[in-house]
Amino acid sequence: MGVGSANVVFLPMANRLKELSEQEMHFREMTLEGILAIQAGDNPRVVAEKLMAYVPPSERPTEEEQAAAMSAAKQAA
């Protein structure tokens, strides 16, 4: 009974919690990197490039999407 419940319930749950923990640590590292770059007075484009290194290539925006976001930010300012 104990081995069965461990393999069916507890091991998958532990694996999921481990994955969520790794994602949270990745997010915190990215946030800290951004804060330190801003505090150091880095150019906003340099900060964006540093933080983009944390985003998987498959999820990165295209150059056109980045240009559209930059123009929208300029208009808002």
C-alpha atoms as a PDB file:
ATOM      1  CA  MET A   1       0.000   0.000   0.000  1.00  0.00           C
ATOM      2  CA  GLY A   2       2.763   2.448   0.945  1.00  0.00           C
ATOM      3  CA  VAL A   3       4.844   1.821  -2.166  1.00  0.00           C
ATOM      4  CA  GLY A   4       1.813   2.125  -4.415  1.00  0.00           C
ATOM      5  CA  SER A   5       0.695   5.435  -2.960  1.00  0.00           C
ATOM      6  CA  ALA A   6       4.261   6.743  -3.106  1.00  0.00           C
ATOM      7  CA  ASN A   7       4.576   5.952  -6.820  1.00  0.00           C
ATOM      8  CA  VAL A   8       1.093   7.110  -7.757  1.00  0.00           C
ATOM      9  CA  VAL A   9       0.609  10.179  -5.571  1.00  0.00           C
ATOM     10  CA  PHE A  10       3.648  11.424  -3.721  1.00  0.00           C
ATOM     11  CA  LEU A  11       6.442  11.110  -6.299  1.00  0.00           C
ATOM     12  CA  PRO A  12       4.526  13.016  -9.033  1.00  0.00           C
ATOM     13  CA  MET A  13       3.560  15.637  -6.450  1.00  0.00           C
ATOM     14  CA  ALA A  14       7.184  16.011  -5.342  1.00  0.00           C
ATOM     15  CA  ASN A  15       8.354  16.332  -8.940  1.00  0.00           C
ATOM     16  CA  ARG A  16       5.773  19.048  -9.626  1.00  0.00           C
ATOM     17  CA  LEU A  17       6.763  20.979  -6.498  1.00  0.00           C
ATOM     18  CA  LYS A  18      10.428  20.726  -7.479  1.00  0.00           C
ATOM     19  CA  GLU A  19       9.621  22.102 -10.942  1.00  0.00           C
ATOM     20  CA  LEU A  20       7.635  25.003  -9.478  1.00  0.00           C
ATOM     21  CA  SER A  21      10.478  25.784  -7.084  1.00  0.00           C
ATOM     22  CA  GLU A  22      12.987  25.884  -9.946  1.00  0.00           C
ATOM     23  CA  GLN A  23      10.726  28.226 -11.928  1.00  0.00           C
ATOM     24  CA  GLU A  24      10.384  30.550  -8.948  1.00  0.00           C
ATOM     25  CA  MET A  25      14.152  30.644  -8.401  1.00  0.00           C
ATOM     26  CA  HIS A  26      14.663  31.414 -12.097  1.00  0.00           C
ATOM     27  CA  PHE A  27      12.174  34.293 -11.858  1.00  0.00           C
ATOM     28  CA  ARG A  28      13.843  35.657  -8.714  1.00  0.00           C
ATOM     29  CA  GLU A  29      17.289  35.534 -10.340  1.00  0.00           C
ATOM     30  CA  MET A  30      15.946  37.402 -13.357  1.00  0.00           C
ATOM     31  CA  THR A  31      14.285  40.008 -11.145  1.00  0.00           C
ATOM     32  CA  LEU A  32      17.460  40.538  -9.114  1.00  0.00           C
ATOM     33  CA  GLU A  33      19.525  40.888 -12.295  1.00  0.00           C
ATOM     34  CA  GLY A  34      17.130  43.546 -13.584  1.00  0.00           C
ATOM     35  CA  ILE A  35      17.114  45.484 -10.323  1.00  0.00           C
ATOM     36  CA  LEU A  36      20.910  45.454 -10.110  1.00  0.00           C
ATOM     37  CA  ALA A  37      21.215  46.608 -13.727  1.00  0.00           C
ATOM     38  CA  ILE A  38      18.787  49.475 -13.144  1.00  0.00           C
ATOM     39  CA  GLN A  39      20.582  50.432  -9.939  1.00  0.00           C
ATOM     40  CA  ALA A  40      23.908  50.430 -11.815  1.00  0.00           C
ATOM     41  CA  GLY A  41      22.407  52.910 -14.276  1.00  0.00           C
ATOM     42  CA  ASP A  42      22.543  50.661 -17.319  1.00  0.00           C
ATOM     43  CA  ASN A  43      20.825  51.772 -20.491  1.00  0.00           C
ATOM     44  CA  PRO A  44      17.259  50.373 -20.656  1.00  0.00           C
ATOM     45  CA  ARG A  45      18.063  48.538 -23.885  1.00  0.00           C
ATOM     46  CA  VAL A  46      21.043  46.856 -22.222  1.00  0.00           C
ATOM     47  CA  VAL A  47      18.835  45.866 -19.286  1.00  0.00           C
ATOM     48  CA  ALA A  48      16.280  44.403 -21.695  1.00  0.00           C
ATOM     49  CA  GLU A  49      18.976  42.407 -23.481  1.00  0.00           C
ATOM     50  CA  LYS A  50      20.336  41.067 -20.172  1.00  0.00           C
ATOM     51  CA  LEU A  51      16.883  39.970 -19.071  1.00  0.00           C
ATOM     52  CA  MET A  52      16.033  38.470 -22.456  1.00  0.00           C
ATOM     53  CA  ALA A  53      18.816  35.939 -21.840  1.00  0.00           C
ATOM     54  CA  TYR A  54      16.575  34.391 -19.162  1.00  0.00           C
ATOM     55  CA  VAL A  55      13.707  33.836 -21.628  1.00  0.00           C
ATOM     56  CA  PRO A  56      13.857  30.610 -23.653  1.00  0.00           C
ATOM     57  CA  PRO A  57      14.444  31.283 -27.375  1.00  0.00           C
ATOM     58  CA  SER A  58      11.093  29.729 -28.286  1.00  0.00           C
ATOM     59  CA  GLU A  59       9.281  32.272 -26.090  1.00  0.00           C
ATOM     60  CA  ARG A  60      11.234  35.397 -27.059  1.00  0.00           C
ATOM     61  CA  PRO A  61       9.344  38.065 -28.991  1.00  0.00           C
ATOM     62  CA  THR A  62      10.313  38.696 -32.601  1.00  0.00           C
ATOM     63  CA  GLU A  63      12.139  41.875 -33.579  1.00  0.00           C
ATOM     64  CA  GLU A  64       8.891  43.273 -34.976  1.00  0.00           C
ATOM     65  CA  GLU A  65       7.083  42.680 -31.672  1.00  0.00           C
ATOM     66  CA  GLN A  66       9.945  44.317 -29.789  1.00  0.00           C
ATOM     67  CA  ALA A  67       9.865  47.353 -32.094  1.00  0.00           C
ATOM     68  CA  ALA A  68       6.104  47.675 -31.622  1.00  0.00           C
ATOM     69  CA  ALA A  69       6.491  47.498 -27.842  1.00  0.00           C
ATOM     70  CA  MET A  70       9.247  50.140 -27.897  1.00  0.00           C
ATOM     71  CA  SER A  71       7.168  52.540 -30.004  1.00  0.00           C
ATOM     72  CA  ALA A  72       4.168  52.029 -27.712  1.00  0.00           C
ATOM     73  CA  ALA A  73       6.356  52.776 -24.689  1.00  0.00           C
ATOM     74  CA  LYS A  74       7.666  55.960 -26.311  1.00  0.00           C
ATOM     75  CA  GLN A  75       4.144  57.134 -27.077  1.00  0.00           C
ATOM     76  CA  ALA A  76       3.034  56.472 -23.500  1.00  0.00           C
ATOM     77  CA  ALA A  77       5.898  58.507 -22.064  1.00  0.00           C
END
